[in-house]
Amino acid sequence: MQKLLKPFIAALLASSLAATAAFAHAFLDHAIPAVGGTASPGLQELRLWYTQGVVTAFSSVTVIGPTGPVPASKPVNSPSNQQEVIVRLGRALGPGTYTVNWRALSVDTHTTTGSFRFTIS
């Protein structure tokens, strides 16, 4: 029985450390407009908050609207918060459903990706 206890404890410890490391990546926490939410026409920028600081030089955000891609600036960090990313849109958004695709390189050097939708009505 004791022969099995040491490997079991070692495996348990290793898996708990691996799980902690996995939670350190930058995942989308919330956004404006809200994930799945509705915004008013005329929206000209997106703000995305992540669970960890983001290196925007190696990150991207694209927006696809009802008629195709929406021109957008490269993402930049908020001057006061490395977890907040700002994307200025090349035009005000009109009514329709939009998809935001994001790729974030976190300060821990791991990349995460995701997408969400919102509606302009």
PDB file of N, CA and C in Angstrom:
ATOM      1  N   MET A   1       0.822  -1.199   0.000  1.00  0.00           N
ATOM      2  CA  MET A   1       0.000   0.000   0.000  1.00  0.00           C
ATOM      3  C   MET A   1       0.863   1.260   0.000  1.00  0.00           C
ATOM      4  N   GLN A   2       1.927   1.264   0.819  1.00  0.00           N
ATOM      5  CA  GLN A   2       2.786   2.434   0.883  1.00  0.00           C
ATOM      6  C   GLN A   2       3.568   2.640  -0.413  1.00  0.00           C
ATOM      7  N   LYS A   3       3.819   1.566  -1.159  1.00  0.00           N
ATOM      8  CA  LYS A   3       4.491   1.677  -2.450  1.00  0.00           C
ATOM      9  C   LYS A   3       3.660   2.513  -3.417  1.00  0.00           C
ATOM     10  N   LEU A   4       2.362   2.403  -3.335  1.00  0.00           N
ATOM     11  CA  LEU A   4       1.475   3.136  -4.228  1.00  0.00           C
ATOM     12  C   LEU A   4       1.218   4.569  -3.756  1.00  0.00           C
ATOM     13  N   LEU A   5       1.399   4.830  -2.488  1.00  0.00           N
ATOM     14  CA  LEU A   5       1.088   6.144  -1.930  1.00  0.00           C
ATOM     15  C   LEU A   5       2.029   7.229  -2.456  1.00  0.00           C
ATOM     16  N   LYS A   6       3.322   6.978  -2.514  1.00  0.00           N
ATOM     17  CA  LYS A   6       4.270   7.984  -2.994  1.00  0.00           C
ATOM     18  C   LYS A   6       4.010   8.372  -4.451  1.00  0.00           C
ATOM     19  N   PRO A   7       3.859   7.414  -5.386  1.00  0.00           N
ATOM     20  CA  PRO A   7       3.555   7.815  -6.771  1.00  0.00           C
ATOM     21  C   PRO A   7       2.220   8.563  -6.886  1.00  0.00           C
ATOM     22  N   PHE A   8       1.240   8.159  -6.090  1.00  0.00           N
ATOM     23  CA  PHE A   8      -0.060   8.825  -6.118  1.00  0.00           C
ATOM     24  C   PHE A   8       0.076  10.278  -5.670  1.00  0.00           C
ATOM     25  N   ILE A   9       0.809  10.519  -4.593  1.00  0.00           N
ATOM     26  CA  ILE A   9       1.007  11.884  -4.091  1.00  0.00           C
ATOM     27  C   ILE A   9       1.786  12.703  -5.105  1.00  0.00           C
ATOM     28  N   ALA A  10       2.806  12.121  -5.717  1.00  0.00           N
ATOM     29  CA  ALA A  10       3.589  12.827  -6.739  1.00  0.00           C
ATOM     30  C   ALA A  10       2.708  13.193  -7.928  1.00  0.00           C
ATOM     31  N   ALA A  11       1.871  12.281  -8.377  1.00  0.00           N
ATOM     32  CA  ALA A  11       0.979  12.552  -9.504  1.00  0.00           C
ATOM     33  C   ALA A  11      -0.036  13.633  -9.144  1.00  0.00           C
ATOM     34  N   LEU A  12      -0.565  13.586  -7.947  1.00  0.00           N
ATOM     35  CA  LEU A  12      -1.523  14.582  -7.479  1.00  0.00           C
ATOM     36  C   LEU A  12      -0.882  15.965  -7.432  1.00  0.00           C
ATOM     37  N   LEU A  13       0.325  16.033  -6.913  1.00  0.00           N
ATOM     38  CA  LEU A  13       1.036  17.303  -6.841  1.00  0.00           C
ATOM     39  C   LEU A  13       1.335  17.846  -8.244  1.00  0.00           C
ATOM     40  N   ALA A  14       1.797  16.998  -9.129  1.00  0.00           N
ATOM     41  CA  ALA A  14       2.100  17.427 -10.502  1.00  0.00           C
ATOM     42  C   ALA A  14       0.854  17.926 -11.222  1.00  0.00           C
ATOM     43  N   SER A  15      -0.255  17.229 -11.065  1.00  0.00           N
ATOM     44  CA  SER A  15      -1.480  17.650 -11.743  1.00  0.00           C
ATOM     45  C   SER A  15      -2.018  18.951 -11.166  1.00  0.00           C
ATOM     46  N   SER A  16      -1.867  19.180  -9.878  1.00  0.00           N
ATOM     47  CA  SER A  16      -2.348  20.430  -9.294  1.00  0.00           C
ATOM     48  C   SER A  16      -1.494  21.600  -9.759  1.00  0.00           C
ATOM     49  N   LEU A  17      -0.181  21.400  -9.934  1.00  0.00           N
ATOM     50  CA  LEU A  17       0.676  22.459 -10.455  1.00  0.00           C
ATOM     51  C   LEU A  17       0.360  22.750 -11.915  1.00  0.00           C
ATOM     52  N   ALA A  18       0.097  21.728 -12.694  1.00  0.00           N
ATOM     53  CA  ALA A  18      -0.243  21.912 -14.110  1.00  0.00           C
ATOM     54  C   ALA A  18      -1.561  22.659 -14.240  1.00  0.00           C
ATOM     55  N   ALA A  19      -2.522  22.350 -13.407  1.00  0.00           N
ATOM     56  CA  ALA A  19      -3.818  23.032 -13.459  1.00  0.00           C
ATOM     57  C   ALA A  19      -3.662  24.505 -13.115  1.00  0.00           C
ATOM     58  N   THR A  20      -2.815  24.826 -12.155  1.00  0.00           N
ATOM     59  CA  THR A  20      -2.578  26.219 -11.788  1.00  0.00           C
ATOM     60  C   THR A  20      -1.956  26.971 -12.951  1.00  0.00           C
ATOM     61  N   ALA A  21      -1.012  26.370 -13.641  1.00  0.00           N
ATOM     62  CA  ALA A  21      -0.368  27.026 -14.768  1.00  0.00           C
ATOM     63  C   ALA A  21      -1.356  27.278 -15.902  1.00  0.00           C
ATOM     64  N   ALA A  22      -2.276  26.364 -16.122  1.00  0.00           N
ATOM     65  CA  ALA A  22      -3.239  26.523 -17.206  1.00  0.00           C
ATOM     66  C   ALA A  22      -4.168  27.707 -16.958  1.00  0.00           C
ATOM     67  N   PHE A  23      -4.470  27.990 -15.704  1.00  0.00           N
ATOM     68  CA  PHE A  23      -5.360  29.098 -15.392  1.00  0.00           C
ATOM     69  C   PHE A  23      -4.662  30.445 -15.506  1.00  0.00           C
ATOM     70  N   ALA A  24      -3.355  30.470 -15.735  1.00  0.00           N
ATOM     71  CA  ALA A  24      -2.612  31.716 -15.805  1.00  0.00           C
ATOM     72  C   ALA A  24      -2.715  32.399 -17.161  1.00  0.00           C
ATOM     73  N   HIS A  25      -3.212  31.737 -18.181  1.00  0.00           N
ATOM     74  CA  HIS A  25      -3.300  32.332 -19.515  1.00  0.00           C
ATOM     75  C   HIS A  25      -4.319  33.473 -19.536  1.00  0.00           C
ATOM     76  N   ALA A  26      -4.196  34.319 -20.560  1.00  0.00           N
ATOM     77  CA  ALA A  26      -5.108  35.456 -20.690  1.00  0.00           C
ATOM     78  C   ALA A  26      -6.366  35.030 -21.448  1.00  0.00           C
ATOM     79  N   PHE A  27      -7.445  34.871 -20.721  1.00  0.00           N
ATOM     80  CA  PHE A  27      -8.735  34.560 -21.318  1.00  0.00           C
ATOM     81  C   PHE A  27      -9.605  35.805 -21.253  1.00  0.00           C
ATOM     82  N   LEU A  28     -10.534  35.927 -22.188  1.00  0.00           N
ATOM     83  CA  LEU A  28     -11.427  37.081 -22.189  1.00  0.00           C
ATOM     84  C   LEU A  28     -12.296  37.045 -20.934  1.00  0.00           C
ATOM     85  N   ASP A  29     -12.284  38.149 -20.198  1.00  0.00           N
ATOM     86  CA  ASP A  29     -13.089  38.266 -18.980  1.00  0.00           C
ATOM     87  C   ASP A  29     -14.430  38.926 -19.298  1.00  0.00           C
ATOM     88  N   HIS A  30     -14.378  40.078 -19.959  1.00  0.00           N
ATOM     89  CA  HIS A  30     -15.597  40.758 -20.397  1.00  0.00           C
ATOM     90  C   HIS A  30     -15.232  41.771 -21.473  1.00  0.00           C
ATOM     91  N   ALA A  31     -16.227  42.338 -22.105  1.00  0.00           N
ATOM     92  CA  ALA A  31     -15.991  43.260 -23.214  1.00  0.00           C
ATOM     93  C   ALA A  31     -17.090  44.309 -23.289  1.00  0.00           C
ATOM     94  N   ILE A  32     -16.781  45.397 -23.984  1.00  0.00           N
ATOM     95  CA  ILE A  32     -17.770  46.410 -24.356  1.00  0.00           C
ATOM     96  C   ILE A  32     -17.672  46.559 -25.857  1.00  0.00           C
ATOM     97  N   PRO A  33     -18.740  46.234 -26.599  1.00  0.00           N
ATOM     98  CA  PRO A  33     -20.033  45.758 -26.125  1.00  0.00           C
ATOM     99  C   PRO A  33     -19.926  44.365 -25.504  1.00  0.00           C
ATOM    100  N   ALA A  34     -20.898  44.054 -24.686  1.00  0.00           N
ATOM    101  CA  ALA A  34     -20.887  42.803 -23.935  1.00  0.00           C
ATOM    102  C   ALA A  34     -20.980  41.593 -24.853  1.00  0.00           C
ATOM    103  N   VAL A  35     -20.350  40.527 -24.426  1.00  0.00           N
ATOM    104  CA  VAL A  35     -20.430  39.249 -25.139  1.00  0.00           C
ATOM    105  C   VAL A  35     -21.903  38.849 -25.224  1.00  0.00           C
ATOM    106  N   GLY A  36     -22.399  38.672 -26.440  1.00  0.00           N
ATOM    107  CA  GLY A  36     -23.802  38.314 -26.639  1.00  0.00           C
ATOM    108  C   GLY A  36     -24.768  39.461 -26.417  1.00  0.00           C
ATOM    109  N   GLY A  37     -24.244  40.650 -26.186  1.00  0.00           N
ATOM    110  CA  GLY A  37     -25.085  41.789 -25.857  1.00  0.00           C
ATOM    111  C   GLY A  37     -25.538  42.584 -27.066  1.00  0.00           C
ATOM    112  N   THR A  38     -26.204  43.694 -26.775  1.00  0.00           N
ATOM    113  CA  THR A  38     -26.717  44.589 -27.803  1.00  0.00           C
ATOM    114  C   THR A  38     -26.189  45.986 -27.522  1.00  0.00           C
ATOM    115  N   ALA A  39     -25.776  46.672 -28.582  1.00  0.00           N
ATOM    116  CA  ALA A  39     -25.284  48.048 -28.468  1.00  0.00           C
ATOM    117  C   ALA A  39     -26.046  48.927 -29.441  1.00  0.00           C
ATOM    118  N   SER A  40     -25.910  50.223 -29.249  1.00  0.00           N
ATOM    119  CA  SER A  40     -26.576  51.187 -30.124  1.00  0.00           C
ATOM    120  C   SER A  40     -25.754  51.433 -31.379  1.00  0.00           C
ATOM    121  N   PRO A  41     -26.408  51.823 -32.487  1.00  0.00           N
ATOM    122  CA  PRO A  41     -25.676  52.171 -33.706  1.00  0.00           C
ATOM    123  C   PRO A  41     -24.679  53.298 -33.428  1.00  0.00           C
ATOM    124  N   GLY A  42     -23.603  53.302 -34.196  1.00  0.00           N
ATOM    125  CA  GLY A  42     -22.590  54.344 -34.051  1.00  0.00           C
ATOM    126  C   GLY A  42     -21.374  53.912 -33.254  1.00  0.00           C
ATOM    127  N   LEU A  43     -21.361  52.690 -32.764  1.00  0.00           N
ATOM    128  CA  LEU A  43     -20.214  52.191 -31.984  1.00  0.00           C
ATOM    129  C   LEU A  43     -18.931  52.340 -32.801  1.00  0.00           C
ATOM    130  N   GLN A  44     -17.869  52.881 -32.181  1.00  0.00           N
ATOM    131  CA  GLN A  44     -16.629  53.129 -32.914  1.00  0.00           C
ATOM    132  C   GLN A  44     -15.397  52.497 -32.273  1.00  0.00           C
ATOM    133  N   GLU A  45     -15.563  51.818 -31.148  1.00  0.00           N
ATOM    134  CA  GLU A  45     -14.425  51.121 -30.560  1.00  0.00           C
ATOM    135  C   GLU A  45     -14.902  49.938 -29.731  1.00  0.00           C
ATOM    136  N   LEU A  46     -14.008  48.970 -29.591  1.00  0.00           N
ATOM    137  CA  LEU A  46     -14.236  47.814 -28.731  1.00  0.00           C
ATOM    138  C   LEU A  46     -13.254  47.887 -27.575  1.00  0.00           C
ATOM    139  N   ARG A  47     -13.678  47.397 -26.423  1.00  0.00           N
ATOM    140  CA  ARG A  47     -12.787  47.269 -25.271  1.00  0.00           C
ATOM    141  C   ARG A  47     -12.926  45.841 -24.755  1.00  0.00           C
ATOM    142  N   LEU A  48     -11.804  45.173 -24.649  1.00  0.00           N
ATOM    143  CA  LEU A  48     -11.785  43.791 -24.183  1.00  0.00           C
ATOM    144  C   LEU A  48     -10.894  43.699 -22.951  1.00  0.00           C
ATOM    145  N   TRP A  49     -11.389  43.063 -21.903  1.00  0.00           N
ATOM    146  CA  TRP A  49     -10.620  42.859 -20.684  1.00  0.00           C
ATOM    147  C   TRP A  49     -10.286  41.379 -20.566  1.00  0.00           C
ATOM    148  N   TYR A  50      -9.036  41.100 -20.263  1.00  0.00           N
ATOM    149  CA  TYR A  50      -8.555  39.728 -20.126  1.00  0.00           C
ATOM    150  C   TYR A  50      -8.190  39.441 -18.684  1.00  0.00           C
ATOM    151  N   THR A  51      -8.046  38.168 -18.373  1.00  0.00           N
ATOM    152  CA  THR A  51      -7.739  37.734 -17.010  1.00  0.00           C
ATOM    153  C   THR A  51      -6.272  37.937 -16.648  1.00  0.00           C
ATOM    154  N   GLN A  52      -5.473  38.369 -17.620  1.00  0.00           N
ATOM    155  CA  GLN A  52      -4.051  38.608 -17.406  1.00  0.00           C
ATOM    156  C   GLN A  52      -3.604  39.681 -18.399  1.00  0.00           C
ATOM    157  N   GLY A  53      -2.479  40.300 -18.141  1.00  0.00           N
ATOM    158  CA  GLY A  53      -1.955  41.303 -19.062  1.00  0.00           C
ATOM    159  C   GLY A  53      -1.728  40.728 -20.452  1.00  0.00           C
ATOM    160  N   VAL A  54      -1.915  41.574 -21.473  1.00  0.00           N
ATOM    161  CA  VAL A  54      -1.809  41.147 -22.872  1.00  0.00           C
ATOM    162  C   VAL A  54      -0.708  41.955 -23.557  1.00  0.00           C
ATOM    163  N   VAL A  55       0.096  41.281 -24.368  1.00  0.00           N
ATOM    164  CA  VAL A  55       1.123  41.926 -25.187  1.00  0.00           C
ATOM    165  C   VAL A  55       0.472  42.201 -26.541  1.00  0.00           C
ATOM    166  N   THR A  56       0.006  43.428 -26.750  1.00  0.00           N
ATOM    167  CA  THR A  56      -0.785  43.736 -27.938  1.00  0.00           C
ATOM    168  C   THR A  56       0.030  43.700 -29.229  1.00  0.00           C
ATOM    169  N   ALA A  57       1.342  43.869 -29.149  1.00  0.00           N
ATOM    170  CA  ALA A  57       2.171  43.817 -30.367  1.00  0.00           C
ATOM    171  C   ALA A  57       2.068  42.457 -31.051  1.00  0.00           C
ATOM    172  N   PHE A  58       1.733  41.423 -30.289  1.00  0.00           N
ATOM    173  CA  PHE A  58       1.626  40.073 -30.834  1.00  0.00           C
ATOM    174  C   PHE A  58       0.224  39.496 -30.667  1.00  0.00           C
ATOM    175  N   SER A  59      -0.762  40.362 -30.559  1.00  0.00           N
ATOM    176  CA  SER A  59      -2.154  39.962 -30.401  1.00  0.00           C
ATOM    177  C   SER A  59      -2.967  40.565 -31.543  1.00  0.00           C
ATOM    178  N   SER A  60      -4.187  40.066 -31.738  1.00  0.00           N
ATOM    179  CA  SER A  60      -5.018  40.613 -32.810  1.00  0.00           C
ATOM    180  C   SER A  60      -6.492  40.548 -32.433  1.00  0.00           C
ATOM    181  N   VAL A  61      -7.243  41.452 -33.036  1.00  0.00           N
ATOM    182  CA  VAL A  61      -8.703  41.476 -32.897  1.00  0.00           C
ATOM    183  C   VAL A  61      -9.258  41.821 -34.270  1.00  0.00           C
ATOM    184  N   THR A  62     -10.157  40.982 -34.779  1.00  0.00           N
ATOM    185  CA  THR A  62     -10.827  41.283 -36.040  1.00  0.00           C
ATOM    186  C   THR A  62     -12.330  41.286 -35.806  1.00  0.00           C
ATOM    187  N   VAL A  63     -13.011  42.071 -36.618  1.00  0.00           N
ATOM    188  CA  VAL A  63     -14.466  42.194 -36.503  1.00  0.00           C
ATOM    189  C   VAL A  63     -15.066  41.884 -37.866  1.00  0.00           C
ATOM    190  N   ILE A  64     -16.040  40.984 -37.879  1.00  0.00           N
ATOM    191  CA  ILE A  64     -16.756  40.632 -39.105  1.00  0.00           C
ATOM    192  C   ILE A  64     -18.211  41.056 -38.906  1.00  0.00           C
ATOM    193  N   GLY A  65     -18.709  41.864 -39.833  1.00  0.00           N
ATOM    194  CA  GLY A  65     -20.079  42.346 -39.746  1.00  0.00           C
ATOM    195  C   GLY A  65     -20.975  41.690 -40.769  1.00  0.00           C
ATOM    196  N   PRO A  66     -22.199  42.161 -40.885  1.00  0.00           N
ATOM    197  CA  PRO A  66     -23.161  41.575 -41.817  1.00  0.00           C
ATOM    198  C   PRO A  66     -22.712  41.657 -43.273  1.00  0.00           C
ATOM    199  N   THR A  67     -21.861  42.621 -43.586  1.00  0.00           N
ATOM    200  CA  THR A  67     -21.403  42.769 -44.972  1.00  0.00           C
ATOM    201  C   THR A  67     -19.929  42.404 -45.154  1.00  0.00           C
ATOM    202  N   GLY A  68     -19.312  41.837 -44.124  1.00  0.00           N
ATOM    203  CA  GLY A  68     -17.913  41.431 -44.227  1.00  0.00           C
ATOM    204  C   GLY A  68     -17.034  42.060 -43.167  1.00  0.00           C
ATOM    205  N   PRO A  69     -15.717  42.029 -43.387  1.00  0.00           N
ATOM    206  CA  PRO A  69     -14.773  42.560 -42.395  1.00  0.00           C
ATOM    207  C   PRO A  69     -14.963  44.059 -42.150  1.00  0.00           C
ATOM    208  N   VAL A  70     -14.771  44.451 -40.904  1.00  0.00           N
ATOM    209  CA  VAL A  70     -14.844  45.856 -40.510  1.00  0.00           C
ATOM    210  C   VAL A  70     -13.403  46.346 -40.316  1.00  0.00           C
ATOM    211  N   PRO A  71     -13.024  47.443 -40.972  1.00  0.00           N
ATOM    212  CA  PRO A  71     -11.674  47.958 -40.758  1.00  0.00           C
ATOM    213  C   PRO A  71     -11.475  48.322 -39.285  1.00  0.00           C
ATOM    214  N   ALA A  72     -10.300  47.979 -38.760  1.00  0.00           N
ATOM    215  CA  ALA A  72     -10.033  48.241 -37.348  1.00  0.00           C
ATOM    216  C   ALA A  72      -8.544  48.496 -37.142  1.00  0.00           C
ATOM    217  N   SER A  73      -8.246  49.255 -36.097  1.00  0.00           N
ATOM    218  CA  SER A  73      -6.855  49.523 -35.745  1.00  0.00           C
ATOM    219  C   SER A  73      -6.235  48.278 -35.116  1.00  0.00           C
ATOM    220  N   LYS A  74      -4.931  48.306 -34.987  1.00  0.00           N
ATOM    221  CA  LYS A  74      -4.260  47.257 -34.228  1.00  0.00           C
ATOM    222  C   LYS A  74      -4.676  47.432 -32.764  1.00  0.00           C
ATOM    223  N   PRO A  75      -4.783  46.344 -32.025  1.00  0.00           N
ATOM    224  CA  PRO A  75      -5.146  46.490 -30.615  1.00  0.00           C
ATOM    225  C   PRO A  75      -4.046  47.195 -29.833  1.00  0.00           C
ATOM    226  N   VAL A  76      -4.453  47.998 -28.863  1.00  0.00           N
ATOM    227  CA  VAL A  76      -3.512  48.664 -27.958  1.00  0.00           C
ATOM    228  C   VAL A  76      -3.990  48.467 -26.525  1.00  0.00           C
ATOM    229  N   ASN A  77      -3.038  48.469 -25.608  1.00  0.00           N
ATOM    230  CA  ASN A  77      -3.401  48.387 -24.196  1.00  0.00           C
ATOM    231  C   ASN A  77      -3.911  49.731 -23.716  1.00  0.00           C
ATOM    232  N   SER A  78      -4.821  49.692 -22.778  1.00  0.00           N
ATOM    233  CA  SER A  78      -5.228  50.900 -22.086  1.00  0.00           C
ATOM    234  C   SER A  78      -3.987  51.447 -21.374  1.00  0.00           C
ATOM    235  N   PRO A  79      -3.802  52.762 -21.346  1.00  0.00           N
ATOM    236  CA  PRO A  79      -2.626  53.315 -20.665  1.00  0.00           C
ATOM    237  C   PRO A  79      -2.558  52.950 -19.180  1.00  0.00           C
ATOM    238  N   SER A  80      -3.708  52.665 -18.578  1.00  0.00           N
ATOM    239  CA  SER A  80      -3.721  52.393 -17.138  1.00  0.00           C
ATOM    240  C   SER A  80      -3.889  50.922 -16.767  1.00  0.00           C
ATOM    241  N   ASN A  81      -4.081  50.033 -17.773  1.00  0.00           N
ATOM    242  CA  ASN A  81      -4.361  48.648 -17.428  1.00  0.00           C
ATOM    243  C   ASN A  81      -3.927  47.724 -18.569  1.00  0.00           C
ATOM    244  N   GLN A  82      -2.899  46.927 -18.334  1.00  0.00           N
ATOM    245  CA  GLN A  82      -2.382  46.029 -19.364  1.00  0.00           C
ATOM    246  C   GLN A  82      -3.355  44.889 -19.676  1.00  0.00           C
ATOM    247  N   GLN A  83      -4.366  44.692 -18.855  1.00  0.00           N
ATOM    248  CA  GLN A  83      -5.378  43.664 -19.100  1.00  0.00           C
ATOM    249  C   GLN A  83      -6.497  44.166 -20.010  1.00  0.00           C
ATOM    250  N   GLU A  84      -6.560  45.468 -20.234  1.00  0.00           N
ATOM    251  CA  GLU A  84      -7.598  46.060 -21.086  1.00  0.00           C
ATOM    252  C   GLU A  84      -7.019  46.361 -22.468  1.00  0.00           C
ATOM    253  N   VAL A  85      -7.718  45.907 -23.499  1.00  0.00           N
ATOM    254  CA  VAL A  85      -7.286  46.106 -24.881  1.00  0.00           C
ATOM    255  C   VAL A  85      -8.344  46.940 -25.601  1.00  0.00           C
ATOM    256  N   ILE A  86      -7.872  47.943 -26.348  1.00  0.00           N
ATOM    257  CA  ILE A  86      -8.767  48.849 -27.071  1.00  0.00           C
ATOM    258  C   ILE A  86      -8.542  48.670 -28.567  1.00  0.00           C
ATOM    259  N   VAL A  87      -9.643  48.579 -29.313  1.00  0.00           N
ATOM    260  CA  VAL A  87      -9.581  48.484 -30.772  1.00  0.00           C
ATOM    261  C   VAL A  87     -10.512  49.550 -31.332  1.00  0.00           C
ATOM    262  N   ARG A  88      -9.952  50.472 -32.099  1.00  0.00           N
ATOM    263  CA  ARG A  88     -10.758  51.513 -32.730  1.00  0.00           C
ATOM    264  C   ARG A  88     -11.222  51.005 -34.094  1.00  0.00           C
ATOM    265  N   LEU A  89     -12.489  51.213 -34.378  1.00  0.00           N
ATOM    266  CA  LEU A  89     -13.077  50.735 -35.626  1.00  0.00           C
ATOM    267  C   LEU A  89     -12.955  51.799 -36.710  1.00  0.00           C
ATOM    268  N   GLY A  90     -12.779  51.353 -37.943  1.00  0.00           N
ATOM    269  CA  GLY A  90     -12.599  52.263 -39.067  1.00  0.00           C
ATOM    270  C   GLY A  90     -13.867  52.957 -39.504  1.00  0.00           C
ATOM    271  N   ARG A  91     -14.988  52.507 -38.984  1.00  0.00           N
ATOM    272  CA  ARG A  91     -16.267  53.148 -39.292  1.00  0.00           C
ATOM    273  C   ARG A  91     -17.239  52.851 -38.158  1.00  0.00           C
ATOM    274  N   ALA A  92     -18.229  53.712 -38.022  1.00  0.00           N
ATOM    275  CA  ALA A  92     -19.280  53.482 -37.030  1.00  0.00           C
ATOM    276  C   ALA A  92     -20.108  52.277 -37.469  1.00  0.00           C
ATOM    277  N   LEU A  93     -20.468  51.449 -36.532  1.00  0.00           N
ATOM    278  CA  LEU A  93     -21.222  50.237 -36.863  1.00  0.00           C
ATOM    279  C   LEU A  93     -22.711  50.504 -36.971  1.00  0.00           C
ATOM    280  N   GLY A  94     -23.300  49.925 -38.000  1.00  0.00           N
ATOM    281  CA  GLY A  94     -24.743  50.009 -38.210  1.00  0.00           C
ATOM    282  C   GLY A  94     -25.422  48.747 -37.699  1.00  0.00           C
ATOM    283  N   PRO A  95     -26.732  48.660 -37.842  1.00  0.00           N
ATOM    284  CA  PRO A  95     -27.473  47.507 -37.345  1.00  0.00           C
ATOM    285  C   PRO A  95     -26.986  46.185 -37.940  1.00  0.00           C
ATOM    286  N   GLY A  96     -27.031  45.148 -37.127  1.00  0.00           N
ATOM    287  CA  GLY A  96     -26.637  43.813 -37.565  1.00  0.00           C
ATOM    288  C   GLY A  96     -25.921  43.052 -36.469  1.00  0.00           C
ATOM    289  N   THR A  97     -25.521  41.839 -36.802  1.00  0.00           N
ATOM    290  CA  THR A  97     -24.785  40.985 -35.871  1.00  0.00           C
ATOM    291  C   THR A  97     -23.311  40.986 -36.269  1.00  0.00           C
ATOM    292  N   TYR A  98     -22.453  41.130 -35.288  1.00  0.00           N
ATOM    293  CA  TYR A  98     -21.012  41.212 -35.514  1.00  0.00           C
ATOM    294  C   TYR A  98     -20.306  40.104 -34.731  1.00  0.00           C
ATOM    295  N   THR A  99     -19.247  39.588 -35.326  1.00  0.00           N
ATOM    296  CA  THR A  99     -18.424  38.571 -34.676  1.00  0.00           C
ATOM    297  C   THR A  99     -17.036  39.157 -34.436  1.00  0.00           C
ATOM    298  N   VAL A 100     -16.568  39.038 -33.219  1.00  0.00           N
ATOM    299  CA  VAL A 100     -15.228  39.488 -32.848  1.00  0.00           C
ATOM    300  C   VAL A 100     -14.362  38.246 -32.657  1.00  0.00           C
ATOM    301  N   ASN A 101     -13.264  38.170 -33.401  1.00  0.00           N
ATOM    302  CA  ASN A 101     -12.294  37.081 -33.242  1.00  0.00           C
ATOM    303  C   ASN A 101     -11.055  37.677 -32.590  1.00  0.00           C
ATOM    304  N   TRP A 102     -10.605  37.076 -31.512  1.00  0.00           N
ATOM    305  CA  TRP A 102      -9.438  37.609 -30.819  1.00  0.00           C
ATOM    306  C   TRP A 102      -8.370  36.542 -30.614  1.00  0.00           C
ATOM    307  N   ARG A 103      -7.153  37.021 -30.595  1.00  0.00           N
ATOM    308  CA  ARG A 103      -5.981  36.195 -30.306  1.00  0.00           C
ATOM    309  C   ARG A 103      -5.127  37.016 -29.359  1.00  0.00           C
ATOM    310  N   ALA A 104      -4.842  36.498 -28.180  1.00  0.00           N
ATOM    311  CA  ALA A 104      -4.108  37.261 -27.172  1.00  0.00           C
ATOM    312  C   ALA A 104      -2.844  36.525 -26.744  1.00  0.00           C
ATOM    313  N   LEU A 105      -1.734  37.235 -26.803  1.00  0.00           N
ATOM    314  CA  LEU A 105      -0.492  36.729 -26.222  1.00  0.00           C
ATOM    315  C   LEU A 105      -0.397  37.345 -24.839  1.00  0.00           C
ATOM    316  N   SER A 106      -0.443  36.506 -23.828  1.00  0.00           N
ATOM    317  CA  SER A 106      -0.414  37.014 -22.459  1.00  0.00           C
ATOM    318  C   SER A 106       1.016  37.287 -22.016  1.00  0.00           C
ATOM    319  N   VAL A 107       1.150  38.032 -20.937  1.00  0.00           N
ATOM    320  CA  VAL A 107       2.476  38.347 -20.411  1.00  0.00           C
ATOM    321  C   VAL A 107       3.214  37.097 -19.945  1.00  0.00           C
ATOM    322  N   ASP A 108       2.493  35.986 -19.781  1.00  0.00           N
ATOM    323  CA  ASP A 108       3.165  34.728 -19.429  1.00  0.00           C
ATOM    324  C   ASP A 108       3.612  33.965 -20.676  1.00  0.00           C
ATOM    325  N   THR A 109       3.511  34.601 -21.856  1.00  0.00           N
ATOM    326  CA  THR A 109       3.955  34.111 -23.169  1.00  0.00           C
ATOM    327  C   THR A 109       3.086  33.008 -23.763  1.00  0.00           C
ATOM    328  N   HIS A 110       1.897  32.803 -23.247  1.00  0.00           N
ATOM    329  CA  HIS A 110       0.985  31.813 -23.815  1.00  0.00           C
ATOM    330  C   HIS A 110      -0.063  32.524 -24.666  1.00  0.00           C
ATOM    331  N   THR A 111      -0.455  31.899 -25.754  1.00  0.00           N
ATOM    332  CA  THR A 111      -1.457  32.466 -26.653  1.00  0.00           C
ATOM    333  C   THR A 111      -2.799  31.777 -26.447  1.00  0.00           C
ATOM    334  N   THR A 112      -3.855  32.572 -26.406  1.00  0.00           N
ATOM    335  CA  THR A 112      -5.214  32.046 -26.341  1.00  0.00           C
ATOM    336  C   THR A 112      -6.020  32.697 -27.465  1.00  0.00           C
ATOM    337  N   THR A 113      -7.063  32.028 -27.893  1.00  0.00           N
ATOM    338  CA  THR A 113      -7.927  32.561 -28.940  1.00  0.00           C
ATOM    339  C   THR A 113      -9.381  32.367 -28.561  1.00  0.00           C
ATOM    340  N   GLY A 114     -10.228  33.145 -29.188  1.00  0.00           N
ATOM    341  CA  GLY A 114     -11.655  32.986 -28.958  1.00  0.00           C
ATOM    342  C   GLY A 114     -12.444  33.926 -29.846  1.00  0.00           C
ATOM    343  N   SER A 115     -13.740  33.864 -29.701  1.00  0.00           N
ATOM    344  CA  SER A 115     -14.610  34.765 -30.458  1.00  0.00           C
ATOM    345  C   SER A 115     -15.896  34.970 -29.682  1.00  0.00           C
ATOM    346  N   PHE A 116     -16.596  36.033 -30.033  1.00  0.00           N
ATOM    347  CA  PHE A 116     -17.914  36.285 -29.451  1.00  0.00           C
ATOM    348  C   PHE A 116     -18.694  37.139 -30.427  1.00  0.00           C
ATOM    349  N   ARG A 117     -19.991  37.206 -30.193  1.00  0.00           N
ATOM    350  CA  ARG A 117     -20.880  38.002 -31.036  1.00  0.00           C
ATOM    351  C   ARG A 117     -21.590  39.049 -30.212  1.00  0.00           C
ATOM    352  N   PHE A 118     -21.965  40.101 -30.898  1.00  0.00           N
ATOM    353  CA  PHE A 118     -22.838  41.128 -30.318  1.00  0.00           C
ATOM    354  C   PHE A 118     -23.701  41.666 -31.443  1.00  0.00           C
ATOM    355  N   THR A 119     -24.749  42.361 -31.078  1.00  0.00           N
ATOM    356  CA  THR A 119     -25.703  42.906 -32.042  1.00  0.00           C
ATOM    357  C   THR A 119     -25.795  44.407 -31.916  1.00  0.00           C
ATOM    358  N   ILE A 120     -25.888  45.083 -33.038  1.00  0.00           N
ATOM    359  CA  ILE A 120     -26.192  46.516 -33.066  1.00  0.00           C
ATOM    360  C   ILE A 120     -27.643  46.628 -33.519  1.00  0.00           C
ATOM    361  N   SER A 121     -28.460  47.304 -32.701  1.00  0.00           N
ATOM    362  CA  SER A 121     -29.886  47.438 -33.096  1.00  0.00           C
ATOM    363  C   SER A 121     -30.362  48.865 -32.941  1.00  0.00           C
TER     364      SER A 121
END
